Every structure is written in structure tokens, then in C-alpha cells.
Amino acid sequence: MRKFCVFAGLAILAPVVPLRADIIPAYVSAVPSGSNTIVTYDIDLTAEQNANTGDFFTIYDFGSIIPSSNTQPSGWTFSTQLVGLNPPQTNAPDDPSILNLTWTYSGPPLSGTGIGPFTVTIPGVSDDEVVPLRSGFFAAQGTLVVGPNAGTHVGNAGSIPIPLVVPEPSSVALLLVGTGMLLYRLRRS
């Protein structure tokens, strides 16, 4: 009787549990190419969802890239912006002064795992250097394909490795000047 009650309870709760429909980007590699580095990602689509026209994923605060260095599978379009693109009801951290990368889908419904590669090239890393990584954030919008809400957009967010953002030389100079002025004022008081 006890087992029956447990199974009956689970059966009652099962319809309440929401299905997930996620596009999940995954870091693959950072490979030197001359004095630059090619950074590669793949995506996985969960079993409950497709990428439909207009679905996308954004990697936030990625930093500088070499213009027009992106590559992506057929049906995907690349764009950059300082703020967003954000799926509804997601709130990934986003510094409005650091470049975001977005890939948007425009083909027939797509499902599966290991979809890629999605690449960009970053400047200024020599062949013998290892690209330092830091924890960054992504957000994505997919389309639910099962259940009573099939056809609706679902947003998700998470963390992803991205290249370490190195400040521009002018920013470092400003930081040093500001620190020097602060130390001067503290010493005079």
C-alpha cells in the first residue's frame, strides 16, 4: 500500500513539473592561429525542444573579436551588440561596455546535440600563449516541442568559459593615474 501511495503521489505531481526546452552552448577550444586565437563553441538542444526561426543564444561580455572572423553552421546568423539579446524572463549579467556575441537561427526546425562549430577569432594571442579563460554567462531562447505548451519560446541562462577580458592599454593608464592621484591625496592628508 505504501508503494502505491508513493507512485500515486508522483503521478499527481508529474503534470506540474515543467518541461525544459534549452539551447545549451558549450566551450570546445581556443586554438592559436598565427598571432590570433580561434575560440570554438558547440550547442546542444534538449530533447524537449527545437531551434526554430528566431531562436538564438547570446554569450555575454565576450570582449574584442576580429570583425568578420565568425563562422557558424548553415541557417545561423551572427551578430554583436553591447547589450542583450536576452530571452524573455532571463537575467544574465551583462556589462554594457563589453561586446556580446549572438547567433540566431533562421532555418527549418533543428534538434540534436553537438551542433556547431560556432567560432570567432580574438586578436593578440601568440602561438606559444595559452588563452586564459574566465567564467562568463550565456542566455538562449528555444522552442518547446512537447506537451500542452508546445510551440512556445523558453529561455534559459547559465555560465560558460570565455576568454579573459584584458583591459585596453588606455584603460590601464587611466587606472594607474587614478590610483596615483588617490595615493597622493592620502599621503597629503
N, C-alpha and C. Protein backbone atom coordinates (compact mmCIF):
# COMPACT_ATOMS: atom_id res chain seq x y z
N MET A 1 0.82 -1.20 0.00
CA MET A 1 0.00 0.00 0.00
C MET A 1 0.87 1.26 0.00
N ARG A 2 1.97 1.21 0.74
CA ARG A 2 2.84 2.38 0.82
C ARG A 2 3.43 2.71 -0.56
N LYS A 3 3.88 1.68 -1.31
CA LYS A 3 4.43 1.90 -2.64
C LYS A 3 3.37 2.51 -3.56
N PHE A 4 2.14 2.05 -3.44
CA PHE A 4 1.06 2.59 -4.26
C PHE A 4 0.89 4.08 -3.97
N CYS A 5 0.92 4.48 -2.70
CA CYS A 5 0.74 5.89 -2.34
C CYS A 5 1.88 6.76 -2.91
N VAL A 6 3.12 6.23 -2.87
CA VAL A 6 4.24 6.98 -3.42
C VAL A 6 4.06 7.16 -4.92
N PHE A 7 3.74 6.09 -5.64
CA PHE A 7 3.55 6.19 -7.09
C PHE A 7 2.36 7.08 -7.43
N ALA A 8 1.28 6.99 -6.67
CA ALA A 8 0.11 7.84 -6.91
C ALA A 8 0.48 9.31 -6.69
N GLY A 9 1.27 9.58 -5.66
CA GLY A 9 1.72 10.96 -5.39
C GLY A 9 2.58 11.48 -6.52
N LEU A 10 3.48 10.65 -7.02
CA LEU A 10 4.33 11.07 -8.14
C LEU A 10 3.51 11.29 -9.40
N ALA A 11 2.52 10.46 -9.63
CA ALA A 11 1.67 10.61 -10.81
C ALA A 11 0.88 11.92 -10.75
N ILE A 12 0.47 12.31 -9.56
CA ILE A 12 -0.26 13.57 -9.40
C ILE A 12 0.67 14.76 -9.64
N LEU A 13 1.93 14.68 -9.16
CA LEU A 13 2.87 15.78 -9.31
C LEU A 13 3.47 15.86 -10.71
N ALA A 14 3.51 14.78 -11.45
CA ALA A 14 4.17 14.75 -12.75
C ALA A 14 3.69 15.84 -13.70
N PRO A 15 2.38 16.09 -13.83
CA PRO A 15 1.95 17.14 -14.75
C PRO A 15 2.37 18.54 -14.31
N VAL A 16 2.69 18.73 -13.02
CA VAL A 16 3.07 20.03 -12.50
C VAL A 16 4.51 20.37 -12.86
N VAL A 17 5.37 19.37 -13.03
CA VAL A 17 6.78 19.59 -13.32
C VAL A 17 6.90 20.13 -14.75
N PRO A 18 7.50 21.34 -14.90
CA PRO A 18 7.60 21.91 -16.24
C PRO A 18 8.66 21.19 -17.06
N LEU A 19 8.41 21.07 -18.36
CA LEU A 19 9.41 20.52 -19.26
C LEU A 19 10.40 21.62 -19.60
N ARG A 20 11.66 21.27 -19.77
CA ARG A 20 12.69 22.23 -20.13
C ARG A 20 12.92 22.20 -21.63
N ALA A 21 13.16 23.34 -22.17
CA ALA A 21 13.49 23.47 -23.59
C ALA A 21 14.68 24.40 -23.69
N ASP A 22 15.87 23.84 -23.72
CA ASP A 22 17.06 24.66 -23.62
C ASP A 22 18.00 24.50 -24.80
N ILE A 23 18.60 25.62 -25.20
CA ILE A 23 19.77 25.63 -26.06
C ILE A 23 20.94 25.84 -25.10
N ILE A 24 21.87 24.89 -25.09
CA ILE A 24 22.98 24.97 -24.14
C ILE A 24 24.30 25.04 -24.92
N PRO A 25 24.93 26.23 -24.96
CA PRO A 25 26.23 26.32 -25.61
C PRO A 25 27.31 25.71 -24.72
N ALA A 26 28.33 25.13 -25.35
CA ALA A 26 29.44 24.51 -24.63
C ALA A 26 30.76 24.97 -25.24
N TYR A 27 31.68 25.36 -24.39
CA TYR A 27 33.03 25.73 -24.83
C TYR A 27 33.73 24.49 -25.38
N VAL A 28 34.37 24.61 -26.54
CA VAL A 28 35.10 23.49 -27.14
C VAL A 28 36.61 23.72 -27.04
N SER A 29 37.09 24.88 -27.54
CA SER A 29 38.54 25.10 -27.55
C SER A 29 38.88 26.54 -27.85
N ALA A 30 40.15 26.86 -27.60
CA ALA A 30 40.76 28.12 -28.02
C ALA A 30 42.09 27.72 -28.65
N VAL A 31 42.18 27.80 -30.00
CA VAL A 31 43.33 27.30 -30.74
C VAL A 31 44.08 28.46 -31.37
N PRO A 32 45.39 28.59 -31.07
CA PRO A 32 46.18 29.66 -31.69
C PRO A 32 46.16 29.55 -33.21
N SER A 33 46.14 30.72 -33.86
CA SER A 33 46.19 30.80 -35.32
C SER A 33 47.01 32.04 -35.66
N GLY A 34 48.32 31.85 -35.85
CA GLY A 34 49.21 32.99 -36.05
C GLY A 34 49.29 33.80 -34.78
N SER A 35 49.02 35.09 -34.88
CA SER A 35 49.05 35.94 -33.68
C SER A 35 47.66 36.10 -33.07
N ASN A 36 46.72 35.29 -33.51
CA ASN A 36 45.35 35.34 -33.01
C ASN A 36 44.94 33.98 -32.44
N THR A 37 43.72 33.89 -31.94
CA THR A 37 43.20 32.63 -31.40
C THR A 37 41.77 32.44 -31.86
N ILE A 38 41.45 31.23 -32.32
CA ILE A 38 40.08 30.89 -32.71
C ILE A 38 39.40 30.21 -31.52
N VAL A 39 38.30 30.80 -31.08
CA VAL A 39 37.54 30.27 -29.95
C VAL A 39 36.31 29.57 -30.52
N THR A 40 36.08 28.32 -30.08
CA THR A 40 35.02 27.49 -30.65
C THR A 40 34.03 27.04 -29.58
N TYR A 41 32.74 27.08 -29.97
CA TYR A 41 31.64 26.59 -29.13
C TYR A 41 30.77 25.65 -29.97
N ASP A 42 30.10 24.74 -29.32
CA ASP A 42 29.03 23.92 -29.90
C ASP A 42 27.78 24.18 -29.09
N ILE A 43 26.62 23.73 -29.59
CA ILE A 43 25.40 23.81 -28.79
C ILE A 43 24.73 22.44 -28.74
N ASP A 44 24.00 22.23 -27.66
CA ASP A 44 23.14 21.07 -27.51
C ASP A 44 21.71 21.57 -27.34
N LEU A 45 20.78 20.90 -27.98
CA LEU A 45 19.35 21.20 -27.82
C LEU A 45 18.75 20.07 -27.01
N THR A 46 18.08 20.39 -25.91
CA THR A 46 17.48 19.34 -25.10
C THR A 46 16.39 18.62 -25.90
N ALA A 47 16.06 17.41 -25.47
CA ALA A 47 15.12 16.57 -26.22
C ALA A 47 13.73 17.18 -26.34
N GLU A 48 13.39 18.11 -25.44
CA GLU A 48 12.05 18.69 -25.45
C GLU A 48 11.93 19.91 -26.34
N GLN A 49 12.98 20.23 -27.09
CA GLN A 49 12.91 21.48 -27.85
C GLN A 49 13.64 21.41 -29.17
N ASN A 50 13.32 22.38 -30.01
CA ASN A 50 13.97 22.61 -31.28
C ASN A 50 14.52 24.03 -31.29
N ALA A 51 15.39 24.30 -32.23
CA ALA A 51 15.70 25.67 -32.59
C ALA A 51 14.84 25.96 -33.81
N ASN A 52 13.97 26.93 -33.68
CA ASN A 52 13.12 27.38 -34.78
C ASN A 52 13.57 28.76 -35.23
N THR A 53 13.07 29.22 -36.35
CA THR A 53 13.43 30.55 -36.84
C THR A 53 13.21 31.58 -35.74
N GLY A 54 14.24 32.38 -35.49
CA GLY A 54 14.20 33.43 -34.47
C GLY A 54 14.78 33.01 -33.13
N ASP A 55 14.99 31.71 -32.91
CA ASP A 55 15.62 31.27 -31.66
C ASP A 55 17.11 31.63 -31.72
N PHE A 56 17.73 31.80 -30.55
CA PHE A 56 19.10 32.31 -30.52
C PHE A 56 19.79 31.94 -29.22
N PHE A 57 21.11 32.18 -29.21
CA PHE A 57 21.85 32.17 -27.95
C PHE A 57 22.85 33.31 -27.97
N THR A 58 23.07 33.90 -26.78
CA THR A 58 23.97 35.03 -26.61
C THR A 58 25.03 34.66 -25.59
N ILE A 59 26.28 34.96 -25.90
CA ILE A 59 27.37 34.85 -24.93
C ILE A 59 27.71 36.27 -24.52
N TYR A 60 27.53 36.57 -23.24
CA TYR A 60 27.67 37.94 -22.73
C TYR A 60 29.11 38.28 -22.39
N ASP A 61 29.44 39.56 -22.60
CA ASP A 61 30.71 40.14 -22.17
C ASP A 61 31.91 39.35 -22.68
N PHE A 62 31.84 38.95 -23.93
CA PHE A 62 32.90 38.16 -24.55
C PHE A 62 34.16 38.99 -24.74
N GLY A 63 34.00 40.23 -25.22
CA GLY A 63 35.15 41.10 -25.45
C GLY A 63 35.46 41.25 -26.93
N SER A 64 36.66 41.70 -27.23
CA SER A 64 37.07 42.03 -28.60
C SER A 64 37.18 40.78 -29.47
N ILE A 65 36.76 40.94 -30.71
CA ILE A 65 36.94 39.90 -31.74
C ILE A 65 37.44 40.59 -33.00
N ILE A 66 37.98 39.81 -33.90
CA ILE A 66 38.36 40.33 -35.20
C ILE A 66 37.09 40.37 -36.05
N PRO A 67 36.72 41.55 -36.58
CA PRO A 67 35.49 41.66 -37.37
C PRO A 67 35.45 40.65 -38.52
N SER A 68 34.28 40.10 -38.76
CA SER A 68 34.01 39.13 -39.82
C SER A 68 34.81 37.84 -39.69
N SER A 69 35.27 37.51 -38.48
CA SER A 69 36.02 36.27 -38.26
C SER A 69 35.12 35.12 -37.83
N ASN A 70 33.85 35.37 -37.67
CA ASN A 70 32.93 34.35 -37.18
C ASN A 70 32.65 33.28 -38.24
N THR A 71 32.38 32.07 -37.75
CA THR A 71 31.85 31.00 -38.60
C THR A 71 30.73 30.33 -37.81
N GLN A 72 29.80 29.71 -38.52
CA GLN A 72 28.67 29.06 -37.88
C GLN A 72 28.06 28.08 -38.88
N PRO A 73 27.28 27.12 -38.36
CA PRO A 73 26.60 26.19 -39.27
C PRO A 73 25.58 26.93 -40.14
N SER A 74 25.20 26.29 -41.23
CA SER A 74 24.19 26.83 -42.12
C SER A 74 22.90 27.10 -41.36
N GLY A 75 22.26 28.21 -41.67
CA GLY A 75 20.99 28.57 -41.03
C GLY A 75 21.17 29.46 -39.81
N TRP A 76 22.39 29.71 -39.38
CA TRP A 76 22.66 30.56 -38.23
C TRP A 76 23.27 31.87 -38.70
N THR A 77 22.87 32.98 -38.08
CA THR A 77 23.38 34.31 -38.40
C THR A 77 24.05 34.89 -37.16
N PHE A 78 25.19 35.50 -37.35
CA PHE A 78 25.99 36.06 -36.25
C PHE A 78 25.74 37.56 -36.13
N SER A 79 25.72 38.05 -34.89
CA SER A 79 25.65 39.49 -34.64
C SER A 79 26.36 39.80 -33.33
N THR A 80 26.72 41.06 -33.17
CA THR A 80 27.32 41.53 -31.91
C THR A 80 26.54 42.74 -31.43
N GLN A 81 26.56 42.95 -30.13
CA GLN A 81 25.91 44.09 -29.53
C GLN A 81 26.49 44.28 -28.14
N LEU A 82 26.33 45.48 -27.60
CA LEU A 82 26.84 45.75 -26.25
C LEU A 82 25.85 45.34 -25.17
N VAL A 83 24.56 45.34 -25.50
CA VAL A 83 23.53 44.95 -24.53
C VAL A 83 22.61 43.93 -25.18
N GLY A 84 22.35 42.79 -24.46
CA GLY A 84 21.43 41.77 -24.96
C GLY A 84 22.06 40.96 -26.06
N LEU A 85 21.34 40.32 -26.80
CA LEU A 85 19.94 39.95 -26.88
C LEU A 85 19.61 39.05 -25.69
N ASN A 86 18.43 39.25 -25.14
CA ASN A 86 18.01 38.50 -23.97
C ASN A 86 16.69 37.79 -24.24
N PRO A 87 16.61 36.50 -23.88
CA PRO A 87 15.31 35.84 -23.96
C PRO A 87 14.38 36.41 -22.88
N PRO A 88 13.07 36.33 -23.10
CA PRO A 88 12.15 36.79 -22.07
C PRO A 88 12.39 36.05 -20.75
N GLN A 89 12.23 36.76 -19.67
CA GLN A 89 12.29 36.21 -18.32
C GLN A 89 13.64 35.59 -17.97
N THR A 90 14.72 36.08 -18.57
CA THR A 90 16.06 35.69 -18.14
C THR A 90 16.81 36.95 -17.76
N ASN A 91 17.79 36.80 -16.90
CA ASN A 91 18.52 37.96 -16.41
C ASN A 91 19.99 37.60 -16.23
N ALA A 92 20.70 37.43 -17.33
CA ALA A 92 22.13 37.14 -17.25
C ALA A 92 22.89 38.44 -17.02
N PRO A 93 23.97 38.41 -16.24
CA PRO A 93 24.78 39.62 -16.06
C PRO A 93 25.32 40.10 -17.42
N ASP A 94 25.29 41.42 -17.63
CA ASP A 94 25.68 41.97 -18.92
C ASP A 94 26.28 43.36 -18.71
N ASP A 95 27.60 43.49 -18.90
CA ASP A 95 28.29 44.77 -18.81
C ASP A 95 28.08 45.51 -20.13
N PRO A 96 27.43 46.68 -20.12
CA PRO A 96 27.12 47.38 -21.37
C PRO A 96 28.34 47.95 -22.10
N SER A 97 29.53 47.76 -21.55
CA SER A 97 30.72 48.26 -22.24
C SER A 97 31.55 47.14 -22.87
N ILE A 98 31.08 45.88 -22.74
CA ILE A 98 31.82 44.74 -23.29
C ILE A 98 30.94 44.01 -24.30
N LEU A 99 31.52 43.69 -25.45
CA LEU A 99 30.81 43.11 -26.59
C LEU A 99 30.19 41.74 -26.28
N ASN A 100 28.92 41.56 -26.68
CA ASN A 100 28.22 40.28 -26.61
C ASN A 100 28.18 39.65 -28.00
N LEU A 101 28.14 38.33 -28.04
CA LEU A 101 28.04 37.58 -29.29
C LEU A 101 26.70 36.87 -29.34
N THR A 102 25.99 36.95 -30.45
CA THR A 102 24.70 36.27 -30.59
C THR A 102 24.65 35.53 -31.92
N TRP A 103 24.15 34.29 -31.87
CA TRP A 103 23.86 33.52 -33.09
C TRP A 103 22.37 33.27 -33.11
N THR A 104 21.69 33.62 -34.22
CA THR A 104 20.25 33.49 -34.37
C THR A 104 19.96 32.50 -35.49
N TYR A 105 18.98 31.63 -35.24
CA TYR A 105 18.65 30.58 -36.20
C TYR A 105 17.55 31.04 -37.14
N SER A 106 17.64 30.63 -38.43
CA SER A 106 16.62 31.01 -39.42
C SER A 106 16.35 29.88 -40.41
N GLY A 107 16.39 28.64 -39.95
CA GLY A 107 16.14 27.52 -40.85
C GLY A 107 14.96 26.69 -40.41
N PRO A 108 14.80 25.51 -41.00
CA PRO A 108 13.73 24.61 -40.57
C PRO A 108 13.99 24.13 -39.15
N PRO A 109 12.98 23.63 -38.43
CA PRO A 109 13.20 23.18 -37.05
C PRO A 109 14.42 22.27 -36.95
N LEU A 110 15.24 22.54 -35.94
CA LEU A 110 16.51 21.86 -35.76
C LEU A 110 16.55 21.24 -34.37
N SER A 111 17.00 20.00 -34.25
CA SER A 111 17.17 19.37 -32.95
C SER A 111 18.49 18.63 -32.94
N GLY A 112 18.95 18.26 -31.77
CA GLY A 112 20.16 17.45 -31.67
C GLY A 112 21.19 18.01 -30.73
N THR A 113 22.33 17.32 -30.68
CA THR A 113 23.43 17.73 -29.81
C THR A 113 24.70 17.88 -30.66
N GLY A 114 25.66 18.58 -30.09
CA GLY A 114 26.93 18.77 -30.79
C GLY A 114 26.80 19.56 -32.07
N ILE A 115 25.87 20.52 -32.11
CA ILE A 115 25.67 21.35 -33.30
C ILE A 115 26.73 22.44 -33.30
N GLY A 116 27.45 22.56 -34.36
CA GLY A 116 28.50 23.56 -34.42
C GLY A 116 29.42 23.24 -35.57
N PRO A 117 30.56 23.83 -35.64
CA PRO A 117 31.11 24.76 -34.66
C PRO A 117 30.63 26.19 -34.89
N PHE A 118 30.61 26.95 -33.79
CA PHE A 118 30.38 28.38 -33.78
C PHE A 118 31.71 28.98 -33.35
N THR A 119 32.35 29.79 -34.20
CA THR A 119 33.68 30.31 -33.86
C THR A 119 33.76 31.81 -34.05
N VAL A 120 34.69 32.40 -33.30
CA VAL A 120 35.14 33.77 -33.51
C VAL A 120 36.65 33.78 -33.27
N THR A 121 37.32 34.76 -33.84
CA THR A 121 38.76 34.88 -33.65
C THR A 121 39.03 36.10 -32.80
N ILE A 122 39.85 35.90 -31.77
CA ILE A 122 40.24 37.01 -30.90
C ILE A 122 41.66 37.43 -31.23
N PRO A 123 41.95 38.73 -31.13
CA PRO A 123 43.27 39.22 -31.52
C PRO A 123 44.29 39.13 -30.39
N GLY A 124 45.55 39.17 -30.80
CA GLY A 124 46.63 39.45 -29.88
C GLY A 124 47.13 38.33 -28.99
N VAL A 125 46.93 37.08 -29.35
CA VAL A 125 47.46 35.98 -28.56
C VAL A 125 48.41 35.21 -29.46
N SER A 126 49.67 35.09 -29.05
CA SER A 126 50.66 34.43 -29.91
C SER A 126 50.55 32.92 -29.82
N ASP A 127 51.22 32.25 -30.77
CA ASP A 127 51.17 30.80 -30.86
C ASP A 127 51.60 30.08 -29.59
N ASP A 128 52.49 30.68 -28.82
CA ASP A 128 53.00 29.97 -27.64
C ASP A 128 52.26 30.34 -26.35
N GLU A 129 51.24 31.18 -26.44
CA GLU A 129 50.48 31.57 -25.24
C GLU A 129 49.23 30.72 -25.09
N VAL A 130 48.86 30.48 -23.85
CA VAL A 130 47.61 29.82 -23.54
C VAL A 130 46.58 30.92 -23.28
N VAL A 131 45.42 30.81 -23.89
CA VAL A 131 44.38 31.81 -23.70
C VAL A 131 43.78 31.61 -22.31
N PRO A 132 43.91 32.61 -21.44
CA PRO A 132 43.29 32.47 -20.13
C PRO A 132 41.77 32.56 -20.26
N LEU A 133 41.07 31.75 -19.51
CA LEU A 133 39.61 31.74 -19.54
C LEU A 133 39.06 32.23 -18.21
N ARG A 134 37.84 32.72 -18.27
CA ARG A 134 37.12 33.11 -17.06
C ARG A 134 35.69 32.63 -17.21
N SER A 135 34.97 32.65 -16.14
CA SER A 135 33.58 32.24 -16.18
C SER A 135 32.72 33.38 -16.71
N GLY A 136 32.01 33.12 -17.79
CA GLY A 136 31.10 34.10 -18.37
C GLY A 136 29.68 33.56 -18.31
N PHE A 137 28.77 34.24 -18.99
CA PHE A 137 27.36 33.86 -18.95
C PHE A 137 26.78 33.79 -20.36
N PHE A 138 25.76 32.95 -20.50
CA PHE A 138 25.02 32.87 -21.75
C PHE A 138 23.54 32.87 -21.41
N ALA A 139 22.73 33.20 -22.40
CA ALA A 139 21.28 33.02 -22.32
C ALA A 139 20.83 32.58 -23.71
N ALA A 140 19.74 31.83 -23.75
CA ALA A 140 19.27 31.30 -25.03
C ALA A 140 17.76 31.22 -25.04
N GLN A 141 17.20 31.23 -26.24
CA GLN A 141 15.77 31.04 -26.44
C GLN A 141 15.58 29.89 -27.40
N GLY A 142 14.83 28.87 -26.97
CA GLY A 142 14.47 27.74 -27.81
C GLY A 142 12.97 27.63 -27.91
N THR A 143 12.48 26.62 -28.63
CA THR A 143 11.05 26.42 -28.80
C THR A 143 10.67 25.05 -28.27
N LEU A 144 9.74 25.02 -27.33
CA LEU A 144 9.24 23.78 -26.75
C LEU A 144 8.48 22.99 -27.81
N VAL A 145 8.73 21.66 -27.90
CA VAL A 145 8.09 20.87 -28.94
C VAL A 145 7.18 19.77 -28.39
N VAL A 146 7.07 19.65 -27.07
CA VAL A 146 6.22 18.61 -26.48
C VAL A 146 5.31 19.23 -25.43
N GLY A 147 4.25 18.53 -25.11
CA GLY A 147 3.36 18.96 -24.04
C GLY A 147 2.35 20.00 -24.46
N PRO A 148 1.56 20.45 -23.49
CA PRO A 148 0.48 21.38 -23.80
C PRO A 148 0.97 22.77 -24.23
N ASN A 149 2.22 23.11 -23.93
CA ASN A 149 2.76 24.42 -24.32
C ASN A 149 3.68 24.34 -25.53
N ALA A 150 3.57 23.25 -26.30
CA ALA A 150 4.41 23.09 -27.49
C ALA A 150 4.26 24.30 -28.40
N GLY A 151 5.39 24.76 -28.94
CA GLY A 151 5.38 25.92 -29.83
C GLY A 151 5.72 27.21 -29.12
N THR A 152 5.80 27.22 -27.79
CA THR A 152 6.13 28.44 -27.07
C THR A 152 7.64 28.55 -26.89
N HIS A 153 8.11 29.78 -26.76
CA HIS A 153 9.53 30.04 -26.54
C HIS A 153 9.87 29.86 -25.07
N VAL A 154 11.05 29.28 -24.83
CA VAL A 154 11.53 29.08 -23.47
C VAL A 154 12.94 29.64 -23.41
N GLY A 155 13.22 30.42 -22.38
CA GLY A 155 14.55 30.99 -22.19
C GLY A 155 15.30 30.23 -21.11
N ASN A 156 16.60 30.20 -21.24
CA ASN A 156 17.45 29.62 -20.21
C ASN A 156 18.74 30.42 -20.14
N ALA A 157 19.45 30.30 -19.05
CA ALA A 157 20.72 31.01 -18.86
C ALA A 157 21.65 30.13 -18.04
N GLY A 158 22.93 30.39 -18.16
CA GLY A 158 23.91 29.62 -17.40
C GLY A 158 25.29 30.22 -17.55
N SER A 159 26.29 29.52 -17.04
CA SER A 159 27.67 30.00 -17.16
C SER A 159 28.41 29.22 -18.24
N ILE A 160 29.44 29.86 -18.79
CA ILE A 160 30.22 29.28 -19.88
C ILE A 160 31.62 29.90 -19.85
N PRO A 161 32.66 29.13 -20.15
CA PRO A 161 34.01 29.72 -20.22
C PRO A 161 34.13 30.67 -21.42
N ILE A 162 34.74 31.82 -21.17
CA ILE A 162 35.03 32.79 -22.22
C ILE A 162 36.45 33.30 -22.02
N PRO A 163 37.08 33.87 -23.06
CA PRO A 163 38.43 34.40 -22.89
C PRO A 163 38.45 35.52 -21.85
N LEU A 164 39.52 35.57 -21.11
CA LEU A 164 39.70 36.63 -20.11
C LEU A 164 39.75 37.97 -20.83
N VAL A 165 38.94 38.90 -20.39
CA VAL A 165 38.92 40.24 -20.98
C VAL A 165 40.11 41.00 -20.43
N VAL A 166 41.01 41.39 -21.31
CA VAL A 166 42.19 42.16 -20.91
C VAL A 166 41.90 43.62 -21.21
N PRO A 167 42.05 44.51 -20.21
CA PRO A 167 41.74 45.92 -20.45
C PRO A 167 42.62 46.52 -21.54
N GLU A 168 42.04 47.48 -22.25
CA GLU A 168 42.79 48.22 -23.26
C GLU A 168 43.91 48.99 -22.56
N PRO A 169 45.05 49.25 -23.24
CA PRO A 169 46.14 49.99 -22.61
C PRO A 169 45.70 51.35 -22.06
N SER A 170 44.78 52.04 -22.75
CA SER A 170 44.32 53.34 -22.26
C SER A 170 43.56 53.19 -20.94
N SER A 171 42.83 52.10 -20.77
CA SER A 171 42.12 51.86 -19.51
C SER A 171 43.09 51.60 -18.38
N VAL A 172 44.15 50.87 -18.66
CA VAL A 172 45.17 50.60 -17.64
C VAL A 172 45.84 51.91 -17.25
N ALA A 173 46.13 52.77 -18.23
CA ALA A 173 46.77 54.05 -17.93
C ALA A 173 45.87 54.90 -17.04
N LEU A 174 44.58 54.95 -17.34
CA LEU A 174 43.65 55.71 -16.51
C LEU A 174 43.59 55.16 -15.09
N LEU A 175 43.59 53.85 -14.97
CA LEU A 175 43.58 53.21 -13.66
C LEU A 175 44.83 53.58 -12.87
N LEU A 176 45.99 53.56 -13.51
CA LEU A 176 47.24 53.90 -12.84
C LEU A 176 47.26 55.36 -12.42
N VAL A 177 46.82 56.27 -13.29
CA VAL A 177 46.77 57.69 -12.96
C VAL A 177 45.82 57.91 -11.78
N GLY A 178 44.65 57.29 -11.83
CA GLY A 178 43.68 57.44 -10.74
C GLY A 178 44.21 56.91 -9.43
N THR A 179 44.88 55.78 -9.46
CA THR A 179 45.46 55.21 -8.24
C THR A 179 46.55 56.12 -7.70
N GLY A 180 47.39 56.68 -8.62
CA GLY A 180 48.44 57.60 -8.20
C GLY A 180 47.87 58.84 -7.54
N MET A 181 46.79 59.39 -8.11
CA MET A 181 46.16 60.57 -7.52
C MET A 181 45.58 60.26 -6.15
N LEU A 182 44.96 59.10 -6.00
CA LEU A 182 44.41 58.70 -4.71
C LEU A 182 45.50 58.56 -3.67
N LEU A 183 46.61 57.92 -4.02
CA LEU A 183 47.72 57.75 -3.08
C LEU A 183 48.32 59.11 -2.71
N TYR A 184 48.42 60.03 -3.66
CA TYR A 184 48.94 61.36 -3.41
C TYR A 184 48.04 62.08 -2.39
N ARG A 185 46.73 62.02 -2.60
CA ARG A 185 45.80 62.67 -1.67
C ARG A 185 45.86 62.07 -0.28
N LEU A 186 45.95 60.73 -0.23
CA LEU A 186 46.01 60.06 1.07
C LEU A 186 47.31 60.44 1.80
N ARG A 187 48.41 60.56 1.07
CA ARG A 187 49.69 60.89 1.68
C ARG A 187 49.65 62.32 2.22
N ARG A 188 48.98 63.25 1.52
CA ARG A 188 48.92 64.65 1.93
C ARG A 188 48.03 64.86 3.13
N SER A 189 47.06 63.95 3.38
CA SER A 189 46.13 64.17 4.50
C SER A 189 46.62 63.63 5.79
